Amino acid sequence: SLERSITKAGDYIEFHYRNLRRPYSVAIAGYALAQSGRLEKDLFEKFLSTAT
C-alpha cells in the first residue's frame, strides 16, 4: 500500500541520514524527514550543522 511504501522510504532515509555528507543531500533528505515528522533531535542537529 501507499502508506507502507511511505513508511519504508522514511525508515530508509532516517537510517542513512547520519552518513550523508553533501549539503544538498542533507537538505533533500532533511526535507523528506521533516514532512514525515521524523526530523528530531540529533537528526535536526545534523541538518542545522550542515546548513551553516
C-alpha atoms as a PDB file:
ATOM      1  CA  SER A   1       0.000   0.000   0.000  1.00  0.00           C
ATOM      2  CA  LEU A   2       0.993   3.637  -0.346  1.00  0.00           C
ATOM      3  CA  GLU A   3       1.179   4.174   3.422  1.00  0.00           C
ATOM      4  CA  ARG A   4       3.540   1.240   3.843  1.00  0.00           C
ATOM      5  CA  SER A   5       5.763   2.450   1.000  1.00  0.00           C
ATOM      6  CA  ILE A   6       5.996   5.912   2.554  1.00  0.00           C
ATOM      7  CA  THR A   7       6.891   4.397   5.916  1.00  0.00           C
ATOM      8  CA  LYS A   8       9.572   2.187   4.364  1.00  0.00           C
ATOM      9  CA  ALA A   9      11.061   5.141   2.483  1.00  0.00           C
ATOM     10  CA  GLY A  10      11.130   7.198   5.677  1.00  0.00           C
ATOM     11  CA  ASP A  11      12.810   4.356   7.544  1.00  0.00           C
ATOM     12  CA  TYR A  12      15.474   4.097   4.842  1.00  0.00           C
ATOM     13  CA  ILE A  13      16.183   7.828   4.781  1.00  0.00           C
ATOM     14  CA  GLU A  14      16.286   8.037   8.575  1.00  0.00           C
ATOM     15  CA  PHE A  15      18.704   5.097   8.796  1.00  0.00           C
ATOM     16  CA  HIS A  16      21.126   6.559   6.228  1.00  0.00           C
ATOM     17  CA  TYR A  17      20.750  10.250   7.116  1.00  0.00           C
ATOM     18  CA  ARG A  18      23.649  10.376   9.575  1.00  0.00           C
ATOM     19  CA  ASN A  19      26.062   9.191   6.874  1.00  0.00           C
ATOM     20  CA  LEU A  20      25.189  11.904   4.352  1.00  0.00           C
ATOM     21  CA  ARG A  21      27.941  14.453   3.717  1.00  0.00           C
ATOM     22  CA  ARG A  22      26.897  16.682   0.813  1.00  0.00           C
ATOM     23  CA  PRO A  23      24.779  19.685   1.836  1.00  0.00           C
ATOM     24  CA  TYR A  24      22.260  19.157  -0.980  1.00  0.00           C
ATOM     25  CA  SER A  25      21.721  15.512   0.024  1.00  0.00           C
ATOM     26  CA  VAL A  26      21.290  16.513   3.669  1.00  0.00           C
ATOM     27  CA  ALA A  27      18.805  19.232   2.670  1.00  0.00           C
ATOM     28  CA  ILE A  28      16.652  16.994   0.471  1.00  0.00           C
ATOM     29  CA  ALA A  29      16.658  14.100   2.934  1.00  0.00           C
ATOM     30  CA  GLY A  30      16.042  16.528   5.811  1.00  0.00           C
ATOM     31  CA  TYR A  31      13.043  17.952   3.980  1.00  0.00           C
ATOM     32  CA  ALA A  32      11.622  14.459   3.472  1.00  0.00           C
ATOM     33  CA  LEU A  33      12.158  13.644   7.142  1.00  0.00           C
ATOM     34  CA  ALA A  34      10.537  16.921   8.212  1.00  0.00           C
ATOM     35  CA  GLN A  35       7.495  16.234   6.035  1.00  0.00           C
ATOM     36  CA  SER A  36       7.087  12.854   7.703  1.00  0.00           C
ATOM     37  CA  GLY A  37       7.608  14.281  11.217  1.00  0.00           C
ATOM     38  CA  ARG A  38      10.907  12.455  11.735  1.00  0.00           C
ATOM     39  CA  LEU A  39      13.418  15.331  11.762  1.00  0.00           C
ATOM     40  CA  GLU A  40      14.026  15.421  15.509  1.00  0.00           C
ATOM     41  CA  LYS A  41      16.904  15.863  17.969  1.00  0.00           C
ATOM     42  CA  ASP A  42      20.189  14.525  16.578  1.00  0.00           C
ATOM     43  CA  LEU A  43      18.865  14.413  13.014  1.00  0.00           C
ATOM     44  CA  PHE A  44      17.811  18.049  13.303  1.00  0.00           C
ATOM     45  CA  GLU A  45      21.224  18.965  14.738  1.00  0.00           C
ATOM     46  CA  LYS A  46      22.928  17.363  11.722  1.00  0.00           C
ATOM     47  CA  PHE A  47      20.585  19.284   9.443  1.00  0.00           C
ATOM     48  CA  LEU A  48      21.497  22.575  11.127  1.00  0.00           C
ATOM     49  CA  SER A  49      25.233  21.904  11.313  1.00  0.00           C
ATOM     50  CA  THR A  50      25.400  21.066   7.612  1.00  0.00           C
ATOM     51  CA  ALA A  51      23.450  24.185   6.698  1.00  0.00           C
ATOM     52  CA  THR A  52      25.887  26.547   8.416  1.00  0.00           C
END
